[in-house]
C-alpha atoms as a PDB file:
ATOM      1  CA  MET A   1       0.000   0.000   0.000  1.00  0.00           C
ATOM      2  CA  ASP A   2       1.369   3.410  -0.971  1.00  0.00           C
ATOM      3  CA  GLY A   3       0.463   6.993  -0.163  1.00  0.00           C
ATOM      4  CA  ALA A   4      -2.117   7.228  -2.949  1.00  0.00           C
ATOM      5  CA  ALA A   5      -4.046   4.327  -1.393  1.00  0.00           C
ATOM      6  CA  LEU A   6      -4.193   6.175   1.931  1.00  0.00           C
ATOM      7  CA  ILE A   7      -5.323   9.386   0.243  1.00  0.00           C
ATOM      8  CA  ALA A   8      -8.041   7.372  -1.503  1.00  0.00           C
ATOM      9  CA  LEU A   9      -9.571   6.686   1.910  1.00  0.00           C
ATOM     10  CA  VAL A  10     -10.586  10.356   2.215  1.00  0.00           C
ATOM     11  CA  PRO A  11     -13.767   9.987   0.091  1.00  0.00           C
ATOM     12  CA  VAL A  12     -14.659   6.893   2.155  1.00  0.00           C
ATOM     13  CA  LEU A  13     -14.428   8.874   5.387  1.00  0.00           C
ATOM     14  CA  VAL A  14     -16.583  11.614   3.862  1.00  0.00           C
ATOM     15  CA  VAL A  15     -19.302   9.257   2.650  1.00  0.00           C
ATOM     16  CA  ILE A  16     -19.581   7.268   5.900  1.00  0.00           C
ATOM     17  CA  PRO A  17     -21.853   9.800   7.719  1.00  0.00           C
ATOM     18  CA  VAL A  18     -24.178  10.012   4.705  1.00  0.00           C
ATOM     19  CA  TRP A  19     -24.161   6.219   4.410  1.00  0.00           C
ATOM     20  CA  LEU A  20     -25.081   5.868   8.102  1.00  0.00           C
ATOM     21  CA  LEU A  21     -28.019   8.204   7.501  1.00  0.00           C
ATOM     22  CA  ALA A  22     -29.031   6.162   4.452  1.00  0.00           C
ATOM     23  CA  MET A  23     -29.007   3.048   6.612  1.00  0.00           C
ATOM     24  CA  VAL A  24     -31.433   4.768   8.990  1.00  0.00           C
ATOM     25  CA  VAL A  25     -33.857   5.412   6.124  1.00  0.00           C
ATOM     26  CA  LEU A  26     -33.572   1.803   4.920  1.00  0.00           C
ATOM     27  CA  TRP A  27     -33.728   0.313   8.407  1.00  0.00           C
ATOM     28  CA  TRP A  28     -36.861   2.145   9.585  1.00  0.00           C
ATOM     29  CA  PRO A  29     -39.441   0.356   7.347  1.00  0.00           C
ATOM     30  CA  LEU A  30     -37.686  -2.983   7.970  1.00  0.00           C
ATOM     31  CA  SER A  31     -37.927  -2.463  11.729  1.00  0.00           C
ATOM     32  CA  LEU A  32     -41.681  -1.985  11.465  1.00  0.00           C
ATOM     33  CA  VAL A  33     -42.249  -5.404   9.932  1.00  0.00           C
ATOM     34  CA  SER A  34     -39.390  -7.515  11.272  1.00  0.00           C
ATOM     35  CA  GLY A  35     -38.018  -5.915  14.421  1.00  0.00           C
ATOM     36  CA  VAL A  36     -34.467  -6.020  13.027  1.00  0.00           C
ATOM     37  CA  SER A  37     -32.070  -3.575  14.675  1.00  0.00           C
ATOM     38  CA  TYR A  38     -30.238  -0.740  12.954  1.00  0.00           C
ATOM     39  CA  VAL A  39     -26.863  -2.272  13.846  1.00  0.00           C
ATOM     40  CA  GLN A  40     -27.880  -5.568  12.218  1.00  0.00           C
ATOM     41  CA  VAL A  41     -28.872  -3.835   8.991  1.00  0.00           C
ATOM     42  CA  ALA A  42     -25.683  -1.752   8.841  1.00  0.00           C
ATOM     43  CA  LEU A  43     -23.374  -4.666   9.680  1.00  0.00           C
ATOM     44  CA  GLY A  44     -25.202  -6.935   7.250  1.00  0.00           C
ATOM     45  CA  TYR A  45     -24.632  -4.455   4.446  1.00  0.00           C
ATOM     46  CA  LEU A  46     -20.939  -4.143   5.332  1.00  0.00           C
ATOM     47  CA  LEU A  47     -20.509  -7.932   5.369  1.00  0.00           C
ATOM     48  CA  LEU A  48     -22.055  -8.179   1.921  1.00  0.00           C
ATOM     49  CA  GLY A  49     -19.461  -5.649   0.775  1.00  0.00           C
ATOM     50  CA  VAL A  50     -16.625  -7.807   2.098  1.00  0.00           C
ATOM     51  CA  ILE A  51     -17.728 -10.574  -0.265  1.00  0.00           C
ATOM     52  CA  LEU A  52     -16.850  -8.307  -3.206  1.00  0.00           C
ATOM     53  CA  PHE A  53     -13.164  -8.858  -2.418  1.00  0.00           C
ATOM     54  CA  VAL A  54     -13.389 -12.632  -2.883  1.00  0.00           C
ATOM     55  CA  PRO A  55     -11.700 -13.377  -6.249  1.00  0.00           C
ATOM     56  CA  LEU A  56     -14.419 -15.759  -7.444  1.00  0.00           C
ATOM     57  CA  VAL A  57     -17.161 -13.233  -6.633  1.00  0.00           C
ATOM     58  CA  GLN A  58     -15.221 -10.494  -8.394  1.00  0.00           C
ATOM     59  CA  ARG A  59     -14.942 -12.592 -11.526  1.00  0.00           C
ATOM     60  CA  ARG A  60     -18.611 -13.563 -11.513  1.00  0.00           C
ATOM     61  CA  LEU A  61     -20.323 -10.455 -10.076  1.00  0.00           C
ATOM     62  CA  LEU A  62     -18.117  -7.411 -10.628  1.00  0.00           C
ATOM     63  CA  THR A  63     -17.456  -8.278 -14.249  1.00  0.00           C
ATOM     64  CA  LYS A  64     -21.198  -8.314 -14.893  1.00  0.00           C
ATOM     65  CA  MET A  65     -21.721  -5.083 -12.948  1.00  0.00           C
ATOM     66  CA  ILE A  66     -19.191  -3.226 -15.107  1.00  0.00           C
ATOM     67  CA  GLY A  67     -20.227  -4.946 -18.340  1.00  0.00           C
ATOM     68  CA  ALA A  68     -16.970  -6.851 -18.874  1.00  0.00           C
ATOM     69  CA  ARG A  69     -16.672 -10.195 -20.640  1.00  0.00           C
ATOM     70  CA  LYS A  70     -14.091 -12.894 -21.258  1.00  0.00           C
ATOM     71  CA  PRO A  71     -11.610 -12.236 -24.074  1.00  0.00           C
ATOM     72  CA  THR A  72     -12.578 -13.719 -27.417  1.00  0.00           C
ATOM     73  CA  THR A  73     -10.480 -16.384 -29.137  1.00  0.00           C
ATOM     74  CA  THR A  74      -8.827 -13.562 -31.107  1.00  0.00           C
ATOM     75  CA  GLU A  75      -8.165 -11.329 -28.102  1.00  0.00           C
ATOM     76  CA  ALA A  76      -7.104 -14.019 -25.627  1.00  0.00           C
ATOM     77  CA  PRO A  77      -3.681 -14.921 -27.131  1.00  0.00           C
ATOM     78  CA  ARG A  78      -2.544 -11.276 -27.281  1.00  0.00           C
ATOM     79  CA  LEU A  79      -3.749 -10.502 -23.780  1.00  0.00           C
ATOM     80  CA  GLN A  80      -2.371 -13.722 -22.331  1.00  0.00           C
ATOM     81  CA  LYS A  81       1.054 -13.172 -23.890  1.00  0.00           C
ATOM     82  CA  ALA A  82       1.342  -9.615 -22.549  1.00  0.00           C
ATOM     83  CA  PHE A  83      -0.125 -10.547 -19.173  1.00  0.00           C
ATOM     84  CA  ASN A  84       2.261 -13.483 -18.770  1.00  0.00           C
ATOM     85  CA  GLU A  85       5.268 -11.331 -19.630  1.00  0.00           C
ATOM     86  CA  VAL A  86       4.404  -8.657 -17.056  1.00  0.00           C
ATOM     87  CA  THR A  87       3.482 -11.002 -14.215  1.00  0.00           C
ATOM     88  CA  GLN A  88       6.452 -13.307 -14.796  1.00  0.00           C
ATOM     89  CA  ALA A  89       8.885 -10.377 -14.964  1.00  0.00           C
ATOM     90  CA  TRP A  90       7.610  -9.163 -11.594  1.00  0.00           C
ATOM     91  CA  HIS A  91       7.181 -12.654 -10.069  1.00  0.00           C
ATOM     92  CA  LEU A  92       3.467 -12.048  -9.610  1.00  0.00           C
ATOM     93  CA  ARG A  93       2.105 -15.404 -10.758  1.00  0.00           C
ATOM     94  CA  ARG A  94       0.915 -16.158  -7.260  1.00  0.00           C
ATOM     95  CA  HIS A  95      -1.450 -13.185  -7.404  1.00  0.00           C
ATOM     96  CA  ASN A  96      -4.878 -14.255  -8.581  1.00  0.00           C
ATOM     97  CA  PHE A  97      -5.392 -11.539 -11.212  1.00  0.00           C
ATOM     98  CA  ALA A  98      -8.083 -11.837 -13.871  1.00  0.00           C
ATOM     99  CA  VAL A  99      -8.371  -9.967 -17.159  1.00  0.00           C
ATOM    100  CA  GLY A 100     -11.646  -8.916 -18.744  1.00  0.00           C
ATOM    101  CA  VAL A 101     -12.657  -6.935 -21.832  1.00  0.00           C
ATOM    102  CA  VAL A 102     -15.236  -4.175 -22.241  1.00  0.00           C
ATOM    103  CA  ASP A 103     -16.608  -3.499 -25.710  1.00  0.00           C
ATOM    104  CA  ASP A 104     -15.718   0.139 -26.329  1.00  0.00           C
ATOM    105  CA  ASP A 105     -14.266   2.181 -29.192  1.00  0.00           C
ATOM    106  CA  ASP A 106     -12.040   4.124 -26.800  1.00  0.00           C
ATOM    107  CA  LEU A 107      -8.471   3.274 -25.829  1.00  0.00           C
ATOM    108  CA  ASN A 108      -8.809   2.676 -22.111  1.00  0.00           C
ATOM    109  CA  ALA A 109      -8.185   0.245 -19.258  1.00  0.00           C
ATOM    110  CA  PHE A 110      -8.917   0.184 -15.548  1.00  0.00           C
ATOM    111  CA  ALA A 111      -8.440  -1.868 -12.401  1.00  0.00           C
ATOM    112  CA  CYS A 112     -11.249  -2.692 -10.008  1.00  0.00           C
ATOM    113  CA  GLY A 113     -11.937  -4.842  -6.980  1.00  0.00           C
ATOM    114  CA  GLY A 114      -8.749  -6.429  -5.771  1.00  0.00           C
ATOM    115  CA  HIS A 115      -7.927  -8.682  -8.699  1.00  0.00           C
ATOM    116  CA  LEU A 116      -9.589  -7.474 -11.909  1.00  0.00           C
ATOM    117  CA  VAL A 117      -7.851  -5.783 -14.826  1.00  0.00           C
ATOM    118  CA  VAL A 118     -10.189  -4.625 -17.591  1.00  0.00           C
ATOM    119  CA  VAL A 119      -9.202  -3.319 -21.031  1.00  0.00           C
ATOM    120  CA  THR A 120     -11.369  -2.087 -23.865  1.00  0.00           C
ATOM    121  CA  SER A 121     -11.754  -4.121 -27.026  1.00  0.00           C
ATOM    122  CA  TYR A 122     -10.322  -1.180 -28.978  1.00  0.00           C
ATOM    123  CA  ALA A 123      -7.167  -1.212 -26.853  1.00  0.00           C
ATOM    124  CA  VAL A 124      -6.664  -4.925 -27.504  1.00  0.00           C
ATOM    125  CA  ARG A 125      -7.058  -4.402 -31.264  1.00  0.00           C
ATOM    126  CA  THR A 126      -4.966  -1.237 -31.537  1.00  0.00           C
ATOM    127  CA  LEU A 127      -2.017  -1.568 -29.166  1.00  0.00           C
ATOM    128  CA  ASP A 128       1.042  -3.570 -30.112  1.00  0.00           C
ATOM    129  CA  HIS A 129       2.558  -6.094 -27.713  1.00  0.00           C
ATOM    130  CA  ASP A 130       4.877  -3.685 -25.889  1.00  0.00           C
ATOM    131  CA  GLU A 131       2.167  -1.033 -25.498  1.00  0.00           C
ATOM    132  CA  LEU A 132      -0.275  -3.630 -24.212  1.00  0.00           C
ATOM    133  CA  CYS A 133       2.348  -4.719 -21.667  1.00  0.00           C
ATOM    134  CA  GLY A 134       2.688  -1.114 -20.525  1.00  0.00           C
ATOM    135  CA  VAL A 135      -1.069  -0.709 -20.085  1.00  0.00           C
ATOM    136  CA  LEU A 136      -1.480  -4.001 -18.197  1.00  0.00           C
ATOM    137  CA  ALA A 137       1.528  -3.126 -16.031  1.00  0.00           C
ATOM    138  CA  HIS A 138      -0.087   0.184 -15.104  1.00  0.00           C
ATOM    139  CA  GLU A 139      -3.371  -1.436 -14.072  1.00  0.00           C
ATOM    140  CA  ILE A 140      -1.587  -4.177 -12.120  1.00  0.00           C
ATOM    141  CA  CYS A 141       0.351  -1.425 -10.318  1.00  0.00           C
ATOM    142  CA  HIS A 142      -2.971  -0.015  -9.118  1.00  0.00           C
ATOM    143  CA  HIS A 143      -3.580  -3.365  -7.433  1.00  0.00           C
ATOM    144  CA  LEU A 144      -0.038  -3.572  -6.084  1.00  0.00           C
ATOM    145  CA  GLY A 145      -0.479  -0.125  -4.547  1.00  0.00           C
ATOM    146  CA  SER A 146      -3.903  -1.114  -3.115  1.00  0.00           C
ATOM    147  CA  HIS A 147      -5.510   1.819  -4.929  1.00  0.00           C
ATOM    148  CA  THR A 148      -8.651  -0.131  -5.793  1.00  0.00           C
ATOM    149  CA  ILE A 149      -9.515  -1.150  -2.228  1.00  0.00           C
ATOM    150  CA  ALA A 150     -10.753   2.254  -1.087  1.00  0.00           C
ATOM    151  CA  LEU A 151     -12.486   2.803  -4.446  1.00  0.00           C
ATOM    152  CA  THR A 152     -14.423  -0.455  -4.143  1.00  0.00           C
ATOM    153  CA  ILE A 153     -15.413   0.317  -0.547  1.00  0.00           C
ATOM    154  CA  ASN A 154     -16.514   3.808  -1.551  1.00  0.00           C
ATOM    155  CA  GLN A 155     -18.615   2.494  -4.445  1.00  0.00           C
ATOM    156  CA  TRP A 156     -20.310  -0.042  -2.177  1.00  0.00           C
ATOM    157  CA  LEU A 157     -21.126   2.555   0.502  1.00  0.00           C
ATOM    158  CA  ILE A 158     -22.374   5.085  -2.013  1.00  0.00           C
ATOM    159  CA  MET A 159     -24.906   2.721  -3.630  1.00  0.00           C
ATOM    160  CA  PRO A 160     -27.732   3.227  -1.070  1.00  0.00           C
ATOM    161  CA  VAL A 161     -26.966   6.960  -0.991  1.00  0.00           C
ATOM    162  CA  VAL A 162     -27.443   7.260  -4.740  1.00  0.00           C
ATOM    163  CA  MET A 163     -30.571   5.107  -4.614  1.00  0.00           C
ATOM    164  CA  LEU A 164     -32.192   7.259  -1.918  1.00  0.00           C
ATOM    165  CA  ALA A 165     -31.265  10.470  -3.752  1.00  0.00           C
ATOM    166  CA  ARG A 166     -33.068   9.176  -6.840  1.00  0.00           C
ATOM    167  CA  VAL A 167     -36.037   7.905  -4.823  1.00  0.00           C
ATOM    168  CA  GLY A 168     -36.336  11.253  -3.034  1.00  0.00           C
ATOM    169  CA  SER A 169     -36.289  13.152  -6.325  1.00  0.00           C
ATOM    170  CA  PHE A 170     -38.872  10.804  -7.864  1.00  0.00           C
ATOM    171  CA  LEU A 171     -41.251  10.999  -4.876  1.00  0.00           C
ATOM    172  CA  ARG A 172     -40.884  14.789  -4.768  1.00  0.00           C
ATOM    173  CA  ASN A 173     -42.045  15.006  -8.384  1.00  0.00           C
ATOM    174  CA  VAL A 174     -44.899  12.587  -7.703  1.00  0.00           C
ATOM    175  CA  SER A 175     -46.082  14.537  -4.644  1.00  0.00           C
ATOM    176  CA  ILE A 176     -45.959  17.841  -6.545  1.00  0.00           C
ATOM    177  CA  ALA A 177     -47.962  16.373  -9.420  1.00  0.00           C
ATOM    178  CA  ALA A 178     -50.496  14.813  -7.020  1.00  0.00           C
ATOM    179  CA  THR A 179     -50.896  18.093  -5.135  1.00  0.00           C
ATOM    180  CA  ASP A 180     -51.446  20.082  -8.330  1.00  0.00           C
ATOM    181  CA  ASN A 181     -53.984  17.592  -9.692  1.00  0.00           C
ATOM    182  CA  PHE A 182     -55.985  16.545  -6.622  1.00  0.00           C
ATOM    183  CA  ALA A 183     -55.601  19.266  -3.970  1.00  0.00           C
ATOM    184  CA  ARG A 184     -56.445  22.423  -5.867  1.00  0.00           C
ATOM    185  CA  GLY A 185     -59.703  23.063  -4.046  1.00  0.00           C
ATOM    186  CA  ASN A 186     -58.558  22.061  -0.574  1.00  0.00           C
ATOM    187  CA  ASP A 187     -56.164  24.357   1.252  1.00  0.00           C
ATOM    188  CA  TYR A 188     -55.291  21.772   3.898  1.00  0.00           C
ATOM    189  CA  ALA A 189     -54.526  19.089   1.340  1.00  0.00           C
ATOM    190  CA  ARG A 190     -52.453  21.543  -0.662  1.00  0.00           C
ATOM    191  CA  VAL A 191     -50.394  22.499   2.398  1.00  0.00           C
ATOM    192  CA  ALA A 192     -49.930  18.840   3.302  1.00  0.00           C
ATOM    193  CA  GLY A 193     -48.827  18.106  -0.250  1.00  0.00           C
ATOM    194  CA  HIS A 194     -46.269  20.902  -0.146  1.00  0.00           C
ATOM    195  CA  ILE A 195     -44.921  19.616   3.181  1.00  0.00           C
ATOM    196  CA  VAL A 196     -44.544  16.103   1.802  1.00  0.00           C
ATOM    197  CA  SER A 197     -42.845  17.341  -1.366  1.00  0.00           C
ATOM    198  CA  THR A 198     -40.481  19.481   0.739  1.00  0.00           C
ATOM    199  CA  VAL A 199     -39.519  16.460   2.849  1.00  0.00           C
ATOM    200  CA  PHE A 200     -38.731  14.418  -0.257  1.00  0.00           C
ATOM    201  CA  ALA A 201     -36.852  17.369  -1.778  1.00  0.00           C
ATOM    202  CA  ALA A 202     -34.728  17.620   1.363  1.00  0.00           C
ATOM    203  CA  MET A 203     -34.079  13.881   1.208  1.00  0.00           C
ATOM    204  CA  ALA A 204     -32.962  14.142  -2.430  1.00  0.00           C
ATOM    205  CA  TRP A 205     -30.750  17.144  -1.644  1.00  0.00           C
ATOM    206  CA  VAL A 206     -29.022  15.580   1.375  1.00  0.00           C
ATOM    207  CA  PHE A 207     -28.194  12.301  -0.315  1.00  0.00           C
ATOM    208  CA  GLY A 208     -27.501  13.917  -3.679  1.00  0.00           C
ATOM    209  CA  SER A 209     -25.075  16.378  -2.079  1.00  0.00           C
ATOM    210  CA  GLY A 210     -23.318  13.567  -0.240  1.00  0.00           C
ATOM    211  CA  PHE A 211     -22.886  11.677  -3.491  1.00  0.00           C
ATOM    212  CA  ALA A 212     -21.638  14.768  -5.353  1.00  0.00           C
ATOM    213  CA  ILE A 213     -19.030  15.560  -2.697  1.00  0.00           C
ATOM    214  CA  ALA A 214     -17.817  11.950  -2.566  1.00  0.00           C
ATOM    215  CA  ARG A 215     -17.590  11.788  -6.358  1.00  0.00           C
ATOM    216  CA  TYR A 216     -15.616  15.046  -6.505  1.00  0.00           C
ATOM    217  CA  LEU A 217     -13.131  13.828  -3.911  1.00  0.00           C
ATOM    218  CA  THR A 218     -12.842  10.438  -5.618  1.00  0.00           C
ATOM    219  CA  ASN A 219     -12.000  12.145  -8.893  1.00  0.00           C
ATOM    220  CA  ARG A 220      -9.368  14.304  -7.222  1.00  0.00           C
ATOM    221  CA  VAL A 221      -7.599  11.466  -5.438  1.00  0.00           C
ATOM    222  CA  GLY A 222      -7.847   9.346  -8.597  1.00  0.00           C
ATOM    223  CA  ARG A 223      -5.262  11.566 -10.273  1.00  0.00           C
ATOM    224  CA  SER A 224      -2.829  10.962  -7.443  1.00  0.00           C
ATOM    225  CA  ALA A 225      -3.287   7.211  -7.899  1.00  0.00           C
ATOM    226  CA  GLU A 226      -2.537   7.500 -11.637  1.00  0.00           C
ATOM    227  CA  PHE A 227       0.779   9.241 -11.027  1.00  0.00           C
ATOM    228  CA  SER A 228       1.660   6.743  -8.298  1.00  0.00           C
ATOM    229  CA  ALA A 229       0.965   3.771 -10.590  1.00  0.00           C
ATOM    230  CA  ASP A 230       3.003   5.399 -13.366  1.00  0.00           C
ATOM    231  CA  ARG A 231       6.005   5.758 -11.049  1.00  0.00           C
ATOM    232  CA  ARG A 232       5.753   2.118 -10.053  1.00  0.00           C
ATOM    233  CA  VAL A 233       5.561   1.060 -13.714  1.00  0.00           C
ATOM    234  CA  VAL A 234       8.754   2.979 -14.475  1.00  0.00           C
ATOM    235  CA  ALA A 235      10.515   1.410 -11.496  1.00  0.00           C
ATOM    236  CA  MET A 236       9.569  -2.034 -12.785  1.00  0.00           C
ATOM    237  CA  GLY A 237      10.883  -1.392 -16.285  1.00  0.00           C
ATOM    238  CA  TYR A 238       7.762  -0.716 -18.374  1.00  0.00           C
ATOM    239  CA  GLY A 239       7.807   3.079 -18.448  1.00  0.00           C
ATOM    240  CA  ARG A 240       8.656   3.403 -22.151  1.00  0.00           C
ATOM    241  CA  GLN A 241       5.965   0.908 -23.112  1.00  0.00           C
ATOM    242  CA  LEU A 242       3.337   2.799 -21.101  1.00  0.00           C
ATOM    243  CA  ALA A 243       4.426   6.162 -22.540  1.00  0.00           C
ATOM    244  CA  ALA A 244       4.101   4.726 -26.057  1.00  0.00           C
ATOM    245  CA  ALA A 245       0.546   3.599 -25.299  1.00  0.00           C
ATOM    246  CA  LEU A 246      -0.353   6.995 -23.819  1.00  0.00           C
ATOM    247  CA  ARG A 247       0.789   8.720 -27.017  1.00  0.00           C
ATOM    248  CA  ARG A 248      -2.053   6.959 -28.834  1.00  0.00           C
ATOM    249  CA  THR A 249      -4.690   8.658 -26.649  1.00  0.00           C
ATOM    250  CA  THR A 250      -6.272  12.043 -27.210  1.00  0.00           C
ATOM    251  CA  GLY A 251      -4.387  13.471 -24.242  1.00  0.00           C
ATOM    252  CA  SER A 252      -7.346  15.516 -22.985  1.00  0.00           C
ATOM    253  CA  GLY A 253      -7.538  13.747 -19.634  1.00  0.00           C
ATOM    254  CA  SER A 254     -10.674  13.234 -17.545  1.00  0.00           C
ATOM    255  CA  SER A 255     -12.048  13.858 -14.078  1.00  0.00           C
ATOM    256  CA  THR A 256      -9.981  10.983 -12.674  1.00  0.00           C
ATOM    257  CA  HIS A 257      -7.070  10.828 -15.155  1.00  0.00           C
ATOM    258  CA  PRO A 258      -4.509  13.565 -15.776  1.00  0.00           C
ATOM    259  CA  PRO A 259      -3.861  14.494 -19.437  1.00  0.00           C
ATOM    260  CA  ALA A 260      -1.749  11.914 -21.267  1.00  0.00           C
ATOM    261  CA  ARG A 261       0.896  14.488 -22.191  1.00  0.00           C
ATOM    262  CA  THR A 262       1.346  15.341 -18.491  1.00  0.00           C
ATOM    263  CA  ARG A 263       1.789  11.686 -17.598  1.00  0.00           C
ATOM    264  CA  ILE A 264       4.208  11.151 -20.500  1.00  0.00           C
ATOM    265  CA  ALA A 265       6.296  14.138 -19.418  1.00  0.00           C
ATOM    266  CA  ARG A 266       6.535  12.790 -15.873  1.00  0.00           C
ATOM    267  CA  ILE A 267       7.429   9.301 -17.068  1.00  0.00           C
ATOM    268  CA  GLU A 268      10.124  10.635 -19.390  1.00  0.00           C
ATOM    269  CA  ALA A 269      11.517  12.832 -16.617  1.00  0.00           C
ATOM    270  CA  VAL A 270      12.025   9.738 -14.479  1.00  0.00           C
ATOM    271  CA  LEU A 271      13.380   7.711 -17.388  1.00  0.00           C
ATOM    272  CA  ARG A 272      15.903  10.351 -18.447  1.00  0.00           C
ATOM    273  CA  PRO A 273      18.582   9.463 -15.861  1.00  0.00           C
ATOM    274  CA  ARG A 274      18.204   5.820 -16.924  1.00  0.00           C
ATOM    275  CA  LYS A 275      19.539   6.403 -20.439  1.00  0.00           C
ATOM    276  CA  GLY A 276      22.436   4.159 -21.270  1.00  0.00           C
ATOM    277  CA  ARG A 277      21.252   1.333 -19.057  1.00  0.00           C
ATOM    278  CA  HIS A 278      19.969  -2.000 -20.224  1.00  0.00           C
ATOM    279  CA  PRO A 279      16.977  -1.242 -22.502  1.00  0.00           C
ATOM    280  CA  SER A 280      15.126  -4.492 -21.866  1.00  0.00           C
ATOM    281  CA  THR A 281      14.853  -4.032 -18.119  1.00  0.00           C
ATOM    282  CA  GLY A 282      15.020  -0.279 -17.673  1.00  0.00           C
ATOM    283  CA  LEU A 283      17.290  -0.864 -14.700  1.00  0.00           C
END
């Protein structure tokens, strides 16, 4: 675990209070019919989240959640060759990594859970062997730095928050429409309708704001994780391969990824003192 993994815990700490409040909202109707305690509901949800870190569950469940699939007979040999080279060079065969493919016409890859590496179908078709090694090395470095642990925890905690934000917004619209249609001639009903819609609006705002803040912080710390993984890739000898792959991208960056040209410049700055050393290892 490196510094970027610790920084990634910040969004988790921020979302915990909102998640606890979401558990209250979910627990209350359950308590009316079953007598289950709030602690049981909260702990039960956390235990379900722990299952997401089991490799078999990640391969079966997470891949479906993110829309990934197994490599085709055309993609598998190229991915397997690059994956074997990287993991054997770093003596990582004991790690239970799995590779999946997402059908997308964008050159991209990402790590998730604790064992999954996912690349787009376009990346598999477009990148040559060395570039593919650089990309896989980068995503594996996210796992080696434990960057995906906090992200997975954050995504699991944020799920009920997002759900309640959407439910609150939907019920607010329903209550407003019902008030306008059925309470026009009754002042008391109209006031009651406005109170109900205000409650649902407040619910949507609280949970929606919690989600927005957590997402903003996740995006900010995601950039730190990218630079950290890049440094680890360079240290392990695949910096030039990763830089070559980054040159194929648009370079515009995203909310979680710095621009490709910025990452390339940083990689080359680290590689510069290594000139004249053995080109195959980068050491």
